[in-house]
Every structure is written in C-alpha cells, then in structure tokens.
C-alpha cells in the first residue's frame, strides 16, 4: 500500500468564498473499464429502500427504484463547526455538505498538505502557501512536524488541527493562528498503533482514529479546550481500516476496511463517546474500499475502491445500514492504477483520484434524486501518485498532492460542468500524503 518517500506537511491559504459538499461511495463488483455494473440488485435487508438498479454500457445512469427520503443522519440542520478532511468551513457540515445557515462567503482559506516517509524519523514538516484568487500559490512559512502526517482533522471553532502521525503511532494537536495560518504544537498523544486517518464529530467533542495495521478504530473524548482524553472506545472493524466517515448529525459512523472488503457501519452516542455495531455490522464492498464521503443530504455514501476499477454508491437506510445501488469504473478505458481519495464539490460533482500509472482525477456528475453517477471527464494530475486532494471551500479550485513526484498542482473547477483546468504547480521538498482546505 505504501511507497517510500520523504515527508512533510504543506499548507496553502486562499482568499475565498463559501464551502459545501463532500460525498461518497458505493458497493458492488467492478465492471470493465468505463462501464457501470449491468445489473445490481441489493437485498432489501441492507437498508436503503432500493429495490434494484439496471444499467447499460458506457456508464449510463440506469434505473433506480425510489429511495426512502426519510433516511437518518441526513440532516444538516445543526450548527456544524469542523471538517475531517478535504474541505472545511465554520458553517459547513462534517461531511463537507452545505449547512442551510451558511452565510460566510469571504475570508482566508488555509490548505494543509501532509507529507511523510515510512523509512526515517522526524522528517515531516508543515509548509504554508497562499492560494491567490487566480489559483497561483505564494509561499508564506513552514515548520517541522513529526514523521508521517497521514491525515488531519480541523476543529474550526477552537482553531485546532489534529494530525495522525503514522510513523511512531501518535496524534498531534496544533493551535492555528487564524490570521496567518501558522501552527503551534500543543501536545502529542502516543497510541499503541499507527493511525492512518483522523476525523472529528460535528460538535468537536469526539476524535476518531483508524489504524491500517491493526484493523481498528479508537474513539477519544475531547475536553472543552480540545485536549484529547484517553480512548473511550476501541472497535475492531476489519483488516486494513483506512478511513472514518461520520454523518452530519453524529448518529452513524462508517469505516472502510480495505483488507476485508467491507464498510463497517456503527451507531454513535456522542454523549458517551461510544459506538455500537449495527446489524449487520458491515456492508460488503469489493475491491478494497479506501476512502468514503457522504452526499450533501446524507442519503448516499460514495466509496472509492483501491484495488479494483470502481467507485461505488451505497444508499443509506433510516437505521444507518448501507445497500449498493451502483458501481462505476473510475479509470480511463485501458488504463490501470489504484484508487486513493474521493470528495464531492460544493456544486455537487464527485471527484476521485487514480494513482499511477493512470495519475488522473475522475470527475462525475451526481443525480441528486437517485444518487447515481455519470462520467464527466478524466484529468491528468501533472504528477505521479495523486494520493490525496482537496477542494477549496468556495468550490473554485481542486488542489492535488502528487506523492511520488513531490508537487502540489492546482486546478480551476468549471462552475457548470465540474471539469478541471490547470492553473499552477509548486514543487515541494517532501512527498504529500494529505491535502485539506479550511476557512476560519
């Protein structure tokens, strides 16, 4: 799964606008490149109210029975204050979906890019850039930081950044200067396993970490000042746990388990900071599910498979369980490459990164009623191994971290089609593992 490279954290700042959606995943068997599954019939017990779907060649939309609109975990009504990954805004839901009360449309946007190296200690860092209105990057400052900044979660209310250091097995907490974007290390929390992912609940009261090597997830209560308490729960989810996705109302948590081809589905109690597996405890997802995201309304979960050529769409039931409704090829026809990251833009397009030799971003339209995908384009990332990427809160730029070529590439997003156009590239002294964009 991992390639050896030097590591660092990079951050980018943009003068910007408002933010929106980060969406999700689907289960099912992969089909030939460029095609969706010709016939998928999820069992009704899996929960999305979906009777079945049929689709034709060439990635056609297919037909889908209506999904029960009264799904749980779909509400964005609560005031939400942090983001677990690619996009973030003080008025935006945890899954990246827009909050109806959002009114912030100005102010600086900071983008942090984590890099690392499995081969050596203490080589990580945080570089700061400003993303100008035209997509150009201007260097600001940087600091050294840990070993492998595998993933981050930003508490926008407290201005604190939580970083998963995959090297030594640690979580790091930083204070963020809202005026400059610079970070100050508050504390380091040693844990028994190496985390590859961290996420926050919408209230900023609970931190989640996933361990790839140990196949488990830890849950930590957070004090009012953001200090991380000892783990309140530890759940064994499945081999190679790779990511944690939390619904906007904090009712359910989903974990992609690459090694067992499953997505764990759990109920979450935010008052006790504990989890309870649903029945069934996991939904099948072939091809090694890696990362996932929810639709803006929470009705669908989208997940990218790392090992086969698919992105999969799952409908969510009122009880939180998942059922497959579509599997769509993520790679250009005839190409190969492992899947890495997935996001939904503020305007509703889905973006998926394909690592080498393809080295592309797949862009999809999402049908807001059925949740189904239609391919828009594939865009080359102008570098090798696009492990992670972010979309700025205004939905104007997509920022890719190419791990093996050690560069950050910025693309403008067409506001109608979602298509990408290259605007700038910055070479960095390190290999980017994570990219996240936030407005304070």
Protein backbone atom coordinates (compact mmCIF):
# COMPACT_ATOMS: atom_id res chain seq x y z
CA UNK A 1 0.00 0.00 0.00
CA UNK A 2 2.73 2.44 0.89
CA UNK A 3 5.59 3.78 -1.18
CA UNK A 4 8.79 5.04 0.43
CA UNK A 5 9.33 8.78 0.16
CA UNK A 6 10.42 11.77 2.19
CA UNK A 7 7.73 13.53 4.16
CA UNK A 8 6.33 16.84 5.11
CA UNK A 9 3.20 18.85 5.69
CA UNK A 10 2.31 21.66 3.34
CA UNK A 11 -0.39 24.24 3.81
CA UNK A 12 -1.98 26.64 1.37
CA UNK A 13 -4.04 29.80 2.01
CA UNK A 14 -6.72 31.16 -0.30
CA UNK A 15 -8.78 34.34 -0.19
CA UNK A 16 -12.17 32.95 -0.71
CA UNK A 17 -15.80 32.16 -0.66
CA UNK A 18 -18.19 29.71 0.95
CA UNK A 19 -17.89 25.94 1.13
CA UNK A 20 -20.00 22.91 0.54
CA UNK A 21 -20.32 19.24 -0.10
CA UNK A 22 -18.08 16.23 0.36
CA UNK A 23 -19.69 12.98 -0.72
CA UNK A 24 -19.43 9.40 -1.01
CA UNK A 25 -19.30 5.72 -2.02
CA UNK A 26 -20.87 2.51 -3.31
CA UNK A 27 -20.57 -1.21 -3.14
CA UNK A 28 -20.59 -3.92 -5.76
CA UNK A 29 -18.40 -5.73 -8.22
CA UNK A 30 -16.18 -3.81 -10.58
CA UNK A 31 -17.03 -3.82 -14.25
CA UNK A 32 -14.88 -3.44 -17.36
CA UNK A 33 -13.18 -0.06 -17.62
CA UNK A 34 -15.58 2.78 -18.39
CA UNK A 35 -18.73 0.79 -17.62
CA UNK A 36 -21.05 0.55 -14.65
CA UNK A 37 -22.44 -2.77 -13.44
CA UNK A 38 -25.06 -4.04 -15.85
CA UNK A 39 -27.24 -5.44 -13.11
CA UNK A 40 -27.16 -4.88 -9.35
CA UNK A 41 -29.94 -5.93 -7.02
CA UNK A 42 -29.18 -5.13 -3.39
CA UNK A 43 -31.13 -7.08 -0.79
CA UNK A 44 -33.84 -5.11 0.93
CA UNK A 45 -32.40 -6.09 4.31
CA UNK A 46 -29.32 -3.98 3.60
CA UNK A 47 -31.49 -0.99 4.17
CA UNK A 48 -31.71 1.89 1.59
CA UNK A 49 -35.17 1.15 0.37
CA UNK A 50 -33.60 0.38 -3.01
CA UNK A 51 -35.25 -2.40 -4.97
CA UNK A 52 -32.56 -2.62 -7.62
CA UNK A 53 -30.79 -0.96 -10.49
CA UNK A 54 -30.10 -1.83 -14.08
CA UNK A 55 -27.62 -0.07 -16.27
CA UNK A 56 -26.27 -0.20 -19.77
CA UNK A 57 -22.84 0.05 -21.30
CA UNK A 58 -20.75 3.18 -21.35
CA UNK A 59 -21.59 4.23 -17.80
CA UNK A 60 -25.24 5.01 -18.44
CA UNK A 61 -27.28 6.06 -15.46
CA UNK A 62 -29.56 3.03 -15.31
CA UNK A 63 -32.86 2.92 -13.49
CA UNK A 64 -33.33 3.04 -9.75
CA UNK A 65 -36.29 2.42 -7.53
CA UNK A 66 -37.10 5.39 -5.28
CA UNK A 67 -35.05 5.70 -2.09
CA UNK A 68 -36.84 6.46 1.16
CA UNK A 69 -36.25 10.15 1.73
CA UNK A 70 -36.65 9.79 5.47
CA UNK A 71 -33.14 8.49 5.97
CA UNK A 72 -31.35 9.01 9.25
CA UNK A 73 -28.18 11.02 9.55
CA UNK A 74 -29.09 13.16 6.55
CA UNK A 75 -29.88 16.41 8.32
CA UNK A 76 -27.59 19.41 8.15
CA UNK A 77 -29.77 21.49 10.45
CA UNK A 78 -27.41 21.57 13.42
CA UNK A 79 -24.72 24.22 13.58
CA UNK A 80 -21.63 22.38 12.45
CA UNK A 81 -18.15 23.62 13.16
CA UNK A 82 -15.43 21.37 11.83
CA UNK A 83 -14.36 19.19 8.95
CA UNK A 84 -12.47 15.92 8.78
CA UNK A 85 -10.65 16.30 5.57
CA UNK A 86 -10.64 17.82 2.11
CA UNK A 87 -12.78 20.92 2.64
CA UNK A 88 -13.76 22.94 5.68
CA UNK A 89 -15.72 25.98 6.80
CA UNK A 90 -17.08 27.19 10.11
CA UNK A 91 -20.61 26.91 8.70
CA UNK A 92 -20.22 23.62 6.83
CA UNK A 93 -21.18 20.05 7.75
CA UNK A 94 -18.62 17.45 8.75
CA UNK A 95 -19.15 15.53 5.51
CA UNK A 96 -18.44 18.69 3.54
CA UNK A 97 -22.13 19.23 2.78
CA UNK A 98 -23.55 22.75 2.98
CA UNK A 99 -25.25 23.94 6.15
CA UNK A 100 -28.52 25.79 5.43
CA UNK A 101 -27.42 28.56 7.79
CA UNK A 102 -24.14 29.15 5.95
CA UNK A 103 -23.50 32.83 5.40
CA UNK A 104 -19.71 33.17 5.41
CA UNK A 105 -18.52 33.89 1.88
CA UNK A 106 -15.30 35.79 2.47
CA UNK A 107 -12.09 35.35 4.39
CA UNK A 108 -8.84 33.42 4.07
CA UNK A 109 -8.79 29.73 3.25
CA UNK A 110 -5.93 27.60 4.54
CA UNK A 111 -4.88 24.35 2.91
CA UNK A 112 -2.63 21.94 4.80
CA UNK A 113 -0.77 19.24 2.92
CA UNK A 114 0.75 16.44 5.00
CA UNK A 115 3.77 14.53 3.74
CA UNK A 116 5.89 11.73 5.14
CA UNK A 117 8.28 8.81 4.84
CA UNK A 118 7.92 5.33 6.33
CA UNK A 119 11.68 4.89 6.25
CA UNK A 120 13.00 7.52 8.66
CA UNK A 121 12.10 9.50 11.80
CA UNK A 122 11.40 13.20 12.26
CA UNK A 123 11.42 14.32 8.65
CA UNK A 124 7.91 15.79 8.47
CA UNK A 125 7.05 19.44 8.22
CA UNK A 126 4.33 21.99 7.55
CA UNK A 127 4.80 24.42 4.68
CA UNK A 128 2.47 27.39 4.25
CA UNK A 129 1.26 28.88 0.99
CA UNK A 130 -1.36 31.39 -0.01
CA UNK A 131 -3.64 30.37 -2.85
CA UNK A 132 -4.34 33.53 -4.78
CA UNK A 133 -7.64 34.31 -6.44
CA UNK A 134 -6.23 33.20 -9.81
CA UNK A 135 -5.04 29.85 -8.41
CA UNK A 136 -1.37 30.79 -8.05
CA UNK A 137 0.48 29.69 -4.90
CA UNK A 138 2.53 32.13 -2.81
CA UNK A 139 4.86 30.76 -0.12
CA UNK A 140 4.27 32.01 3.43
CA UNK A 141 6.16 29.95 6.04
CA UNK A 142 6.72 26.45 7.38
CA UNK A 143 7.67 24.40 10.43
CA UNK A 144 8.94 20.89 11.08
CA UNK A 145 6.40 18.36 12.33
CA UNK A 146 6.66 14.70 13.27
CA UNK A 147 7.15 11.73 10.96
CA UNK A 148 4.22 10.97 8.67
CA UNK A 149 1.31 13.39 8.59
CA UNK A 150 -1.02 10.77 7.17
CA UNK A 151 -4.27 12.63 7.76
CA UNK A 152 -5.72 15.66 9.58
CA UNK A 153 -8.97 16.94 11.05
CA UNK A 154 -9.66 20.62 11.72
CA UNK A 155 -11.75 21.93 14.62
CA UNK A 156 -12.81 25.25 13.10
CA UNK A 157 -14.47 26.53 16.26
CA UNK A 158 -11.40 26.11 18.51
CA UNK A 159 -8.91 26.70 15.66
CA UNK A 160 -7.15 23.41 16.40
CA UNK A 161 -5.70 20.89 13.96
CA UNK A 162 -5.42 17.18 14.82
CA UNK A 163 -2.82 15.21 12.86
CA UNK A 164 -2.41 11.43 12.56
CA UNK A 165 1.32 10.63 12.62
CA UNK A 166 1.51 7.18 11.06
CA UNK A 167 5.22 6.78 11.76
CA UNK A 168 5.58 6.45 15.55
CA UNK A 169 1.91 5.89 16.35
CA UNK A 170 0.82 9.31 17.62
CA UNK A 171 -1.81 12.03 17.38
CA UNK A 172 -0.62 15.64 17.38
CA UNK A 173 -2.70 18.68 18.30
CA UNK A 174 -1.85 22.16 16.97
CA UNK A 175 -3.21 25.61 17.69
CA UNK A 176 -3.93 27.55 14.49
CA UNK A 177 -3.35 31.28 14.13
CA UNK A 178 -6.47 32.37 12.26
CA UNK A 179 -4.73 35.44 10.89
CA UNK A 180 -1.64 33.76 9.47
CA UNK A 181 -2.49 30.06 9.33
CA UNK A 182 0.67 29.19 11.23
CA UNK A 183 0.63 26.29 13.68
CA UNK A 184 1.91 25.83 17.22
CA UNK A 185 2.23 22.31 18.65
CA UNK A 186 0.08 21.88 21.77
CA UNK A 187 0.63 18.24 22.63
CA UNK A 188 1.41 14.78 21.29
CA UNK A 189 -0.71 11.75 22.24
CA UNK A 190 1.04 8.39 21.92
CA UNK A 191 -1.21 5.48 20.95
CA UNK A 192 -0.37 1.76 20.61
CA UNK A 193 -0.93 1.60 16.85
CA UNK A 194 -0.09 3.79 13.86
CA UNK A 195 -3.09 5.88 12.74
CA UNK A 196 -3.68 6.49 9.03
CA UNK A 197 -6.81 8.63 9.45
CA UNK A 198 -8.44 11.02 11.92
CA UNK A 199 -11.91 12.58 11.94
CA UNK A 200 -14.00 14.80 14.24
CA UNK A 201 -17.68 14.72 15.07
CA UNK A 202 -19.71 17.81 14.17
CA UNK A 203 -19.64 19.23 17.71
CA UNK A 204 -15.89 18.95 18.16
CA UNK A 205 -16.32 16.74 21.20
CA UNK A 206 -15.04 13.43 19.80
CA UNK A 207 -11.96 12.44 17.80
CA UNK A 208 -11.76 9.18 15.82
CA UNK A 209 -8.62 7.45 14.54
CA UNK A 210 -8.28 4.45 12.21
CA UNK A 211 -5.35 2.03 12.25
CA UNK A 212 -4.49 0.30 8.97
CA UNK A 213 -2.04 -2.20 10.50
CA UNK A 214 -4.30 -3.20 13.40
CA UNK A 215 -7.72 -3.05 11.74
CA UNK A 216 -9.35 -0.98 14.46
CA UNK A 217 -10.73 2.44 15.34
CA UNK A 218 -10.18 4.41 18.54
CA UNK A 219 -12.60 6.98 19.94
CA UNK A 220 -11.39 9.87 22.12
CA UNK A 221 -13.43 12.38 24.09
CA UNK A 222 -12.18 15.97 23.80
CA UNK A 223 -12.17 18.48 26.63
CA UNK A 224 -13.55 21.98 26.17
CA UNK A 225 -10.03 23.21 25.41
CA UNK A 226 -9.52 20.48 22.79
CA UNK A 227 -7.27 18.30 24.94
CA UNK A 228 -7.51 14.61 23.98
CA UNK A 229 -8.69 12.32 26.79
CA UNK A 230 -7.76 8.59 26.95
CA UNK A 231 -9.69 6.41 24.49
CA UNK A 232 -13.34 5.93 25.49
CA UNK A 233 -13.91 3.10 22.98
CA UNK A 234 -11.89 0.78 20.75
CA UNK A 235 -13.66 -1.09 17.94
CA UNK A 236 -12.15 -3.85 15.81
CA UNK A 237 -13.60 -3.11 12.39
CA UNK A 238 -11.70 -5.21 9.84
CA UNK A 239 -8.28 -5.71 8.29
CA UNK A 240 -6.61 -2.56 6.96
CA UNK A 241 -9.07 0.01 8.32
CA UNK A 242 -8.41 3.05 6.15
CA UNK A 243 -10.88 5.86 6.86
CA UNK A 244 -13.69 7.09 9.12
CA UNK A 245 -16.81 8.88 7.84
CA UNK A 246 -19.35 10.41 10.27
CA UNK A 247 -22.87 11.57 9.42
CA UNK A 248 -23.65 15.26 9.90
CA UNK A 249 -25.94 14.55 12.86
CA UNK A 250 -23.28 12.36 14.53
CA UNK A 251 -25.68 9.39 14.58
CA UNK A 252 -23.64 6.93 12.47
CA UNK A 253 -20.01 6.14 11.66
CA UNK A 254 -18.64 4.20 8.67
CA UNK A 255 -15.17 2.66 8.38
CA UNK A 256 -13.65 1.46 5.08
CA UNK A 257 -11.79 -1.83 5.64
CA UNK A 258 -9.60 -2.48 2.63
CA UNK A 259 -8.40 -5.93 3.72
CA UNK A 260 -11.85 -7.44 4.36
CA UNK A 261 -13.75 -5.72 1.52
CA UNK A 262 -16.27 -4.28 3.94
CA UNK A 263 -17.55 -0.98 5.28
CA UNK A 264 -18.24 -1.15 9.00
CA UNK A 265 -21.50 0.55 9.99
CA UNK A 266 -21.91 1.68 13.59
CA UNK A 267 -24.27 3.80 15.67
CA UNK A 268 -22.54 6.57 17.62
CA UNK A 269 -23.51 8.02 21.00
CA UNK A 270 -21.91 11.49 21.15
CA UNK A 271 -22.67 11.85 24.86
CA UNK A 272 -20.76 8.73 25.94
CA UNK A 273 -18.30 8.78 23.00
CA UNK A 274 -19.03 5.12 22.27
CA UNK A 275 -20.01 3.04 19.25
CA UNK A 276 -22.44 0.15 18.72
CA UNK A 277 -22.20 -2.04 15.60
CA UNK A 278 -25.38 -2.17 13.54
CA UNK A 279 -26.97 -5.39 12.31
CA UNK A 280 -25.28 -6.36 10.10
CA UNK A 281 -22.05 -4.89 11.45
CA UNK A 282 -20.62 -4.34 7.96
CA UNK A 283 -21.74 -3.91 4.37
CA UNK A 284 -19.86 -5.69 1.57
CA UNK A 285 -17.71 -3.58 -0.76
CA UNK A 286 -15.50 -5.44 -3.21
CA UNK A 287 -12.16 -4.15 -4.46
CA UNK A 288 -10.70 -2.86 -1.21
CA UNK A 289 -12.68 0.20 -0.02
CA UNK A 290 -10.30 3.01 0.93
CA UNK A 291 -12.00 6.39 1.46
CA UNK A 292 -15.66 7.41 1.57
CA UNK A 293 -17.82 10.54 1.71
CA UNK A 294 -21.49 11.36 2.13
CA UNK A 295 -23.84 13.19 -0.21
CA UNK A 296 -24.92 16.65 0.87
CA UNK A 297 -28.28 15.32 2.05
CA UNK A 298 -26.73 12.26 3.70
CA UNK A 299 -28.81 9.79 1.70
CA UNK A 300 -25.85 8.22 -0.14
CA UNK A 301 -22.35 7.09 0.74
CA UNK A 302 -19.72 7.07 -2.02
CA UNK A 303 -16.57 4.94 -1.61
CA UNK A 304 -13.52 4.51 -3.82
CA UNK A 305 -12.04 1.02 -4.18
CA UNK A 306 -8.27 0.98 -4.05
CA UNK A 307 -7.68 -2.39 -5.74
CA UNK A 308 -10.31 -2.64 -8.47
CA UNK A 309 -11.59 -0.21 -11.07
CA UNK A 310 -14.64 1.10 -9.25
CA UNK A 311 -16.30 3.82 -7.25
CA UNK A 312 -19.44 2.51 -5.52
CA UNK A 313 -22.64 4.19 -4.44
CA UNK A 314 -24.49 2.99 -1.34
CA UNK A 315 -27.94 4.14 -0.27
CA UNK A 316 -28.37 4.75 3.46
CA UNK A 317 -31.46 3.48 5.29
CA UNK A 318 -33.17 5.18 8.22
CA UNK A 319 -31.40 2.71 10.51
CA UNK A 320 -28.00 3.62 9.06
CA UNK A 321 -27.33 0.45 7.06
CA UNK A 322 -25.91 0.56 3.54
CA UNK A 323 -27.08 -1.09 0.34
CA UNK A 324 -25.33 -0.98 -3.02
CA UNK A 325 -27.05 0.87 -5.86
CA UNK A 326 -24.25 1.45 -8.38
CA UNK A 327 -20.67 0.54 -9.25
CA UNK A 328 -18.91 2.76 -11.80
CA UNK A 329 -15.45 2.50 -13.38
CA UNK A 330 -13.09 5.19 -12.09
CA UNK A 331 -10.23 4.71 -14.60
CA UNK A 332 -9.99 5.79 -18.24
CA UNK A 333 -10.58 2.88 -20.61
CA UNK A 334 -7.49 0.66 -20.93
CA UNK A 335 -5.59 2.27 -18.03
CA UNK A 336 -4.57 0.88 -14.65
CA UNK A 337 -3.93 2.48 -11.26
CA UNK A 338 -5.05 2.18 -7.65
CA UNK A 339 -7.84 4.33 -6.24
CA UNK A 340 -7.00 6.79 -3.46
CA UNK A 341 -9.27 9.67 -2.43
CA UNK A 342 -12.83 10.88 -3.02
CA UNK A 343 -14.68 14.18 -2.49
CA UNK A 344 -17.90 15.89 -3.54
CA UNK A 345 -17.64 19.53 -4.56
CA UNK A 346 -19.88 22.33 -3.30
CA UNK A 347 -21.70 22.26 -6.64
CA UNK A 348 -22.34 18.54 -6.46
CA UNK A 349 -19.75 16.84 -8.66
CA UNK A 350 -17.83 13.80 -7.40
CA UNK A 351 -14.03 13.66 -7.74
CA UNK A 352 -11.91 10.50 -7.43
CA UNK A 353 -8.11 10.22 -7.65
CA UNK A 354 -6.43 7.40 -9.60
CA UNK A 355 -2.78 6.78 -8.78
CA UNK A 356 -0.15 5.60 -11.26
CA UNK A 357 0.26 4.67 -13.94
CA UNK A 358 -3.03 6.46 -14.71
CA UNK A 359 -2.38 9.52 -12.49
CA UNK A 360 -5.77 11.09 -13.15
CA UNK A 361 -8.74 12.68 -11.40
CA UNK A 362 -12.10 11.24 -12.46
CA UNK A 363 -14.97 13.75 -12.46
CA UNK A 364 -18.60 12.59 -12.16
CA UNK A 365 -21.99 14.26 -12.13
CA UNK A 366 -24.32 13.11 -9.34
CA UNK A 367 -28.05 12.73 -9.87
CA UNK A 368 -29.44 14.43 -6.76
CA UNK A 369 -32.55 12.24 -6.75
CA UNK A 370 -31.10 8.77 -7.34
CA UNK A 371 -27.51 9.39 -6.25
CA UNK A 372 -26.25 7.76 -9.47
CA UNK A 373 -23.05 8.80 -11.24
CA UNK A 374 -22.33 9.89 -14.81
CA UNK A 375 -18.76 10.41 -16.02
CA UNK A 376 -17.75 13.97 -16.99
CA UNK A 377 -14.03 13.57 -17.70
CA UNK A 378 -10.63 12.30 -16.61
CA UNK A 379 -7.94 14.94 -15.98
CA UNK A 380 -4.22 14.17 -15.71
CA UNK A 381 -2.75 15.33 -12.38
CA UNK A 382 0.57 16.51 -13.90
CA UNK A 383 2.50 14.40 -11.41
CA UNK A 384 2.88 10.86 -10.12
CA UNK A 385 0.68 9.18 -7.48
CA UNK A 386 -2.15 11.60 -6.58
CA UNK A 387 -2.66 10.18 -3.10
CA UNK A 388 -4.85 13.00 -1.81
CA UNK A 389 -6.54 16.23 -2.87
CA UNK A 390 -8.78 18.98 -1.53
CA UNK A 391 -11.42 21.33 -2.88
CA UNK A 392 -11.31 24.87 -1.57
CA UNK A 393 -14.39 25.97 0.42
CA UNK A 394 -15.63 28.17 -2.41
CA UNK A 395 -15.56 25.20 -4.77
CA UNK A 396 -13.35 27.11 -7.21
CA UNK A 397 -10.11 25.12 -7.04
CA UNK A 398 -9.05 21.49 -6.63
CA UNK A 399 -5.58 21.04 -5.11
CA UNK A 400 -3.76 17.73 -5.69
CA UNK A 401 -0.80 16.32 -3.78
CA UNK A 402 1.26 14.05 -6.07
CA UNK A 403 3.19 11.86 -3.66
CA UNK A 404 5.96 10.39 -5.80
CA UNK A 405 6.68 13.50 -7.90
CA UNK A 406 6.58 15.73 -4.78
CA UNK A 407 4.47 18.52 -6.21
CA UNK A 408 1.23 20.35 -5.48
CA UNK A 409 -0.94 21.03 -8.52
CA UNK A 410 -3.89 23.42 -8.56
CA UNK A 411 -6.82 23.13 -10.99
CA UNK A 412 -9.65 25.59 -11.55
CA UNK A 413 -13.09 23.96 -11.38
CA UNK A 414 -15.60 24.85 -14.08
CA UNK A 415 -18.64 26.03 -12.15
CA UNK A 416 -21.09 24.41 -14.56
CA UNK A 417 -19.55 21.13 -15.70
CA UNK A 418 -17.07 20.50 -12.88
CA UNK A 419 -14.26 20.00 -15.43
CA UNK A 420 -10.70 20.86 -14.35
CA UNK A 421 -8.16 23.30 -15.86
CA UNK A 422 -4.57 23.55 -14.62
CA UNK A 423 -3.64 26.87 -13.01
CA UNK A 424 -0.37 26.39 -11.10
CA UNK A 425 2.21 23.89 -9.81
CA UNK A 426 4.59 24.08 -6.86
CA UNK A 427 7.48 21.67 -6.30
CA UNK A 428 7.92 20.79 -2.62
CA UNK A 429 10.68 19.26 -0.53
CA UNK A 430 8.69 16.20 0.56
CA UNK A 431 6.04 13.73 -0.51
CA UNK A 432 2.45 14.87 0.13
CA UNK A 433 0.21 12.39 1.97
CA UNK A 434 -2.75 14.66 2.77
CA UNK A 435 -4.37 17.84 1.47
CA UNK A 436 -7.07 19.77 3.34
CA UNK A 437 -8.66 23.21 2.80
CA UNK A 438 -10.33 25.26 5.54
CA UNK A 439 -11.82 28.72 6.07
CA UNK A 440 -11.83 30.21 9.57
